[in-house]
């Protein structure tokens, strides 16, 4: 159904109703470069990517390039630069993580298109590190390292150790699991913390995640180093709880 006022306005521009439905035109802002470099610099100063990061804009621009391999590496470089802003309290870290994921996914598609298996492996490595950073962002952990800082396995190990020193045991386990590290050391550190706090049931549950029963229950040694650490601490506690300590030590030596 067409409203009478709209119909009359469309019928003649001189009609009095035309002013009612007339919509003022807004001037469209166009970002166009010219041959004048000074004018181009003014345009660049008014708008650049860092002011309003947009994954769709970035991908759309790079998709115009003829070399998809170069574009894929450019997207990875953008992700590394964006990850440096995760420690900025004025920046929405969650938004940056979403943008980085989209850029890396597009980079992976470009490498697939080019048939570059070695670059695919590199892209998957960055994606796994973004997952690690996402865990830290979700937990509001500070400081958050950049992608370049945790790219090497040794750097991830240092991050895990820093989390353990700060008693972020759950985060240390998640980072270890996501990065392919053995989470046994993190479970052991968490169990020792529970043991020293006197929470034996919780300590037993944590040790059960990292200790395994020996192949030979009649073996004379005390098992792994983790078991020896637990027994040494238990035997060094006060005498009034010595009987309970020995019972708990026996259970640990049998692999829980």
Protein backbone atom coordinates (compact mmCIF):
# COMPACT_ATOMS: atom_id res chain seq x y z
CA UNK A 1 0.00 0.00 0.00
CA UNK A 2 1.32 3.42 -1.00
CA UNK A 3 0.70 6.30 1.32
CA UNK A 4 -1.12 9.25 -0.31
CA UNK A 5 1.57 11.70 0.68
CA UNK A 6 4.28 9.55 -0.85
CA UNK A 7 2.24 9.10 -4.03
CA UNK A 8 1.65 12.82 -4.41
CA UNK A 9 5.29 13.57 -3.75
CA UNK A 10 6.30 11.15 -6.43
CA UNK A 11 3.74 12.57 -8.82
CA UNK A 12 5.02 16.12 -8.81
CA UNK A 13 7.91 17.89 -7.16
CA UNK A 14 5.83 21.08 -6.83
CA UNK A 15 3.27 19.44 -4.57
CA UNK A 16 3.24 20.66 -0.98
CA UNK A 17 3.65 17.11 0.29
CA UNK A 18 6.95 16.70 -1.47
CA UNK A 19 8.74 18.50 1.33
CA UNK A 20 7.43 15.97 3.85
CA UNK A 21 9.06 12.90 2.33
CA UNK A 22 12.08 14.57 0.84
CA UNK A 23 15.29 13.03 2.27
CA UNK A 24 18.35 15.24 2.27
CA UNK A 25 21.28 13.81 0.38
CA UNK A 26 24.47 13.18 2.31
CA UNK A 27 27.80 13.76 0.70
CA UNK A 28 29.71 10.52 0.23
CA UNK A 29 33.29 10.55 1.41
CA UNK A 30 35.61 9.03 -1.16
CA UNK A 31 39.18 7.97 -0.42
CA UNK A 32 40.79 8.60 -3.79
CA UNK A 33 44.49 9.10 -4.45
CA UNK A 34 45.69 11.59 -7.05
CA UNK A 35 48.95 12.31 -8.80
CA UNK A 36 49.69 14.93 -6.17
CA UNK A 37 51.71 13.19 -3.46
CA UNK A 38 51.05 15.92 -0.92
CA UNK A 39 47.31 15.39 -1.27
CA UNK A 40 47.83 11.65 -0.95
CA UNK A 41 49.67 12.14 2.33
CA UNK A 42 46.73 14.16 3.65
CA UNK A 43 44.38 11.32 2.73
CA UNK A 44 46.64 8.78 4.43
CA UNK A 45 46.81 10.89 7.57
CA UNK A 46 43.01 11.02 7.77
CA UNK A 47 42.57 7.28 7.54
CA UNK A 48 44.86 4.29 7.91
CA UNK A 49 44.41 0.64 8.85
CA UNK A 50 45.61 0.88 12.45
CA UNK A 51 42.89 3.42 13.26
CA UNK A 52 40.07 1.04 12.34
CA UNK A 53 41.36 -2.53 11.87
CA UNK A 54 39.01 -4.51 9.69
CA UNK A 55 39.76 -8.06 8.68
CA UNK A 56 37.35 -7.90 5.74
CA UNK A 57 38.98 -4.68 4.48
CA UNK A 58 42.46 -6.15 4.79
CA UNK A 59 41.51 -9.38 3.02
CA UNK A 60 39.63 -7.52 0.29
CA UNK A 61 42.68 -5.36 -0.46
CA UNK A 62 45.14 -8.26 -0.51
CA UNK A 63 42.83 -10.40 -2.64
CA UNK A 64 43.51 -7.95 -5.48
CA UNK A 65 47.15 -9.04 -5.47
CA UNK A 66 48.16 -11.62 -8.04
CA UNK A 67 50.54 -13.54 -5.72
CA UNK A 68 48.52 -15.37 -3.06
CA UNK A 69 51.70 -16.61 -1.33
CA UNK A 70 52.90 -13.07 -0.70
CA UNK A 71 49.40 -12.15 0.51
CA UNK A 72 49.33 -15.06 2.94
CA UNK A 73 52.63 -14.02 4.52
CA UNK A 74 51.40 -10.43 4.66
CA UNK A 75 48.35 -11.56 6.63
CA UNK A 76 50.57 -13.43 9.07
CA UNK A 77 52.70 -10.30 9.50
CA UNK A 78 49.56 -8.28 10.24
CA UNK A 79 48.60 -10.80 12.93
CA UNK A 80 52.02 -10.49 14.57
CA UNK A 81 51.67 -6.72 14.68
CA UNK A 82 48.13 -6.91 16.08
CA UNK A 83 49.24 -9.31 18.81
CA UNK A 84 51.57 -6.63 20.15
CA UNK A 85 48.52 -4.59 21.12
CA UNK A 86 47.04 -7.25 23.39
CA UNK A 87 48.78 -5.73 26.42
CA UNK A 88 47.25 -2.30 25.75
CA UNK A 89 44.44 -1.78 28.32
CA UNK A 90 42.67 0.60 25.93
CA UNK A 91 42.35 -2.09 23.26
CA UNK A 92 39.61 -4.73 23.13
CA UNK A 93 41.76 -7.86 23.26
CA UNK A 94 38.82 -10.09 22.38
CA UNK A 95 38.20 -8.12 19.18
CA UNK A 96 41.86 -8.36 18.21
CA UNK A 97 41.77 -12.12 18.75
CA UNK A 98 38.77 -12.47 16.43
CA UNK A 99 40.50 -10.37 13.75
CA UNK A 100 43.70 -12.42 14.04
CA UNK A 101 41.78 -15.67 13.67
CA UNK A 102 40.04 -14.42 10.52
CA UNK A 103 43.29 -13.21 8.99
CA UNK A 104 45.07 -16.49 9.68
CA UNK A 105 42.16 -18.49 8.27
CA UNK A 106 42.29 -16.41 5.08
CA UNK A 107 46.07 -16.86 4.92
CA UNK A 108 45.61 -20.61 5.18
CA UNK A 109 43.11 -20.58 2.32
CA UNK A 110 45.59 -18.62 0.20
CA UNK A 111 48.32 -21.18 0.88
CA UNK A 112 45.91 -24.00 0.03
CA UNK A 113 45.11 -22.26 -3.25
CA UNK A 114 48.81 -21.95 -4.03
CA UNK A 115 49.55 -25.55 -3.00
CA UNK A 116 52.22 -24.50 -0.48
CA UNK A 117 52.37 -27.28 2.11
CA UNK A 118 55.34 -25.76 3.96
CA UNK A 119 53.51 -22.47 4.35
CA UNK A 120 50.42 -24.35 5.54
CA UNK A 121 52.49 -25.86 8.35
CA UNK A 122 53.74 -22.39 9.28
CA UNK A 123 50.20 -21.02 9.27
CA UNK A 124 48.99 -23.90 11.48
CA UNK A 125 51.80 -23.09 13.91
CA UNK A 126 50.61 -19.50 14.19
CA UNK A 127 47.00 -20.64 14.59
CA UNK A 128 47.98 -22.88 17.52
CA UNK A 129 49.82 -19.97 19.15
CA UNK A 130 46.76 -17.75 18.69
CA UNK A 131 44.77 -20.39 20.55
CA UNK A 132 47.28 -20.12 23.40
CA UNK A 133 46.94 -16.34 23.47
CA UNK A 134 43.16 -16.71 23.43
CA UNK A 135 43.37 -18.79 26.61
CA UNK A 136 45.36 -16.03 28.32
CA UNK A 137 42.98 -13.32 27.09
CA UNK A 138 39.92 -15.23 28.30
CA UNK A 139 41.52 -15.58 31.74
CA UNK A 140 42.49 -11.87 31.82
CA UNK A 141 46.13 -12.87 32.38
CA UNK A 142 48.77 -10.14 32.19
CA UNK A 143 51.19 -9.65 30.59
CA UNK A 144 50.21 -11.33 27.34
CA UNK A 145 53.13 -12.14 25.02
CA UNK A 146 52.99 -11.43 21.30
CA UNK A 147 52.97 -14.09 18.62
CA UNK A 148 56.66 -13.58 17.91
CA UNK A 149 57.49 -14.05 21.59
CA UNK A 150 55.90 -17.50 21.89
CA UNK A 151 56.59 -18.86 18.42
CA UNK A 152 59.46 -21.09 19.57
CA UNK A 153 58.76 -24.14 21.79
CA UNK A 154 61.27 -22.89 24.38
CA UNK A 155 59.28 -19.67 24.70
CA UNK A 156 56.09 -21.62 25.40
CA UNK A 157 57.94 -23.59 28.07
CA UNK A 158 59.04 -20.35 29.72
CA UNK A 159 55.46 -19.09 29.60
CA UNK A 160 54.26 -22.31 31.24
CA UNK A 161 56.90 -21.98 33.96
CA UNK A 162 55.93 -18.35 34.57
CA UNK A 163 52.31 -19.41 35.02
CA UNK A 164 53.36 -22.07 37.54
CA UNK A 165 55.47 -19.57 39.49
CA UNK A 166 52.45 -17.25 39.63
CA UNK A 167 50.31 -20.23 40.74
CA UNK A 168 48.10 -20.13 37.64
CA UNK A 169 48.01 -23.92 37.58
CA UNK A 170 44.89 -24.37 35.46
CA UNK A 171 46.21 -21.91 32.88
CA UNK A 172 49.57 -23.71 32.83
CA UNK A 173 47.83 -27.01 32.11
CA UNK A 174 45.69 -25.50 29.33
CA UNK A 175 48.71 -23.81 27.74
CA UNK A 176 50.70 -27.06 27.92
CA UNK A 177 47.91 -29.10 26.39
CA UNK A 178 47.25 -26.60 23.59
CA UNK A 179 50.97 -26.25 22.81
CA UNK A 180 51.73 -29.97 22.80
CA UNK A 181 53.78 -29.88 26.00
CA UNK A 182 53.60 -32.62 28.62
CA UNK A 183 51.16 -31.32 31.27
CA UNK A 184 52.53 -33.75 33.85
CA UNK A 185 54.86 -31.18 35.39
CA UNK A 186 52.00 -28.71 35.81
CA UNK A 187 49.78 -31.34 37.46
CA UNK A 188 52.67 -32.27 39.78
CA UNK A 189 53.26 -28.63 40.78
CA UNK A 190 49.54 -28.19 41.45
CA UNK A 191 49.45 -31.37 43.51
CA UNK A 192 52.44 -30.28 45.59
CA UNK A 193 50.75 -26.94 46.25
CA UNK A 194 47.62 -28.74 47.46
CA UNK A 195 49.74 -31.09 49.57
CA UNK A 196 51.58 -28.24 51.28
CA UNK A 197 48.23 -26.57 51.93
CA UNK A 198 47.05 -29.72 53.72
CA UNK A 199 44.41 -30.63 51.13
CA UNK A 200 45.34 -34.29 50.74
CA UNK A 201 42.28 -35.35 48.76
CA UNK A 202 42.83 -32.64 46.16
CA UNK A 203 46.55 -33.40 46.05
CA UNK A 204 45.82 -37.07 45.43
CA UNK A 205 43.50 -36.16 42.54
CA UNK A 206 46.19 -33.95 40.95
CA UNK A 207 48.94 -36.56 41.40
CA UNK A 208 46.68 -39.15 39.83
CA UNK A 209 46.86 -37.11 36.59
CA UNK A 210 50.64 -37.34 36.29
CA UNK A 211 51.76 -40.47 38.16
CA UNK A 212 51.40 -43.98 36.79
CA UNK A 213 51.67 -47.29 38.65
CA UNK A 214 55.05 -49.05 38.18
CA UNK A 215 55.29 -52.10 35.97
CA UNK A 216 56.78 -54.10 38.85
CA UNK A 217 55.22 -53.46 42.27
CA UNK A 218 58.13 -55.31 43.92
CA UNK A 219 60.78 -52.96 42.57
CA UNK A 220 63.14 -51.64 45.22
CA UNK A 221 63.44 -48.06 43.99
CA UNK A 222 60.96 -45.34 44.86
CA UNK A 223 59.67 -44.84 41.34
CA UNK A 224 59.90 -41.60 39.38
CA UNK A 225 61.35 -38.31 40.55
CA UNK A 226 57.84 -36.98 41.06
CA UNK A 227 57.05 -39.78 43.49
CA UNK A 228 60.32 -39.22 45.32
CA UNK A 229 59.50 -35.51 45.72
CA UNK A 230 56.13 -36.36 47.23
CA UNK A 231 57.60 -38.94 49.63
CA UNK A 232 60.42 -36.63 50.66
CA UNK A 233 57.99 -33.86 51.55
CA UNK A 234 55.66 -36.22 53.40
CA UNK A 235 58.45 -37.72 55.46
CA UNK A 236 59.68 -34.25 56.41
CA UNK A 237 56.36 -33.19 57.96
CA UNK A 238 55.65 -33.06 61.68
CA UNK A 239 55.56 -36.31 63.69
CA UNK A 240 51.90 -36.18 64.86
CA UNK A 241 50.79 -36.99 61.34
CA UNK A 242 53.67 -39.37 60.56
CA UNK A 243 51.44 -42.45 60.38
CA UNK A 244 49.09 -40.82 57.88
CA UNK A 245 52.09 -39.57 55.94
CA UNK A 246 53.54 -43.06 55.61
CA UNK A 247 50.23 -44.42 54.43
CA UNK A 248 49.95 -41.66 51.81
CA UNK A 249 53.58 -42.24 50.81
CA UNK A 250 52.91 -45.93 50.30
CA UNK A 251 49.97 -45.13 48.07
CA UNK A 252 52.06 -42.71 46.00
CA UNK A 253 54.90 -45.22 45.62
CA UNK A 254 52.42 -47.66 44.17
CA UNK A 255 51.40 -45.13 41.56
CA UNK A 256 48.18 -44.07 43.29
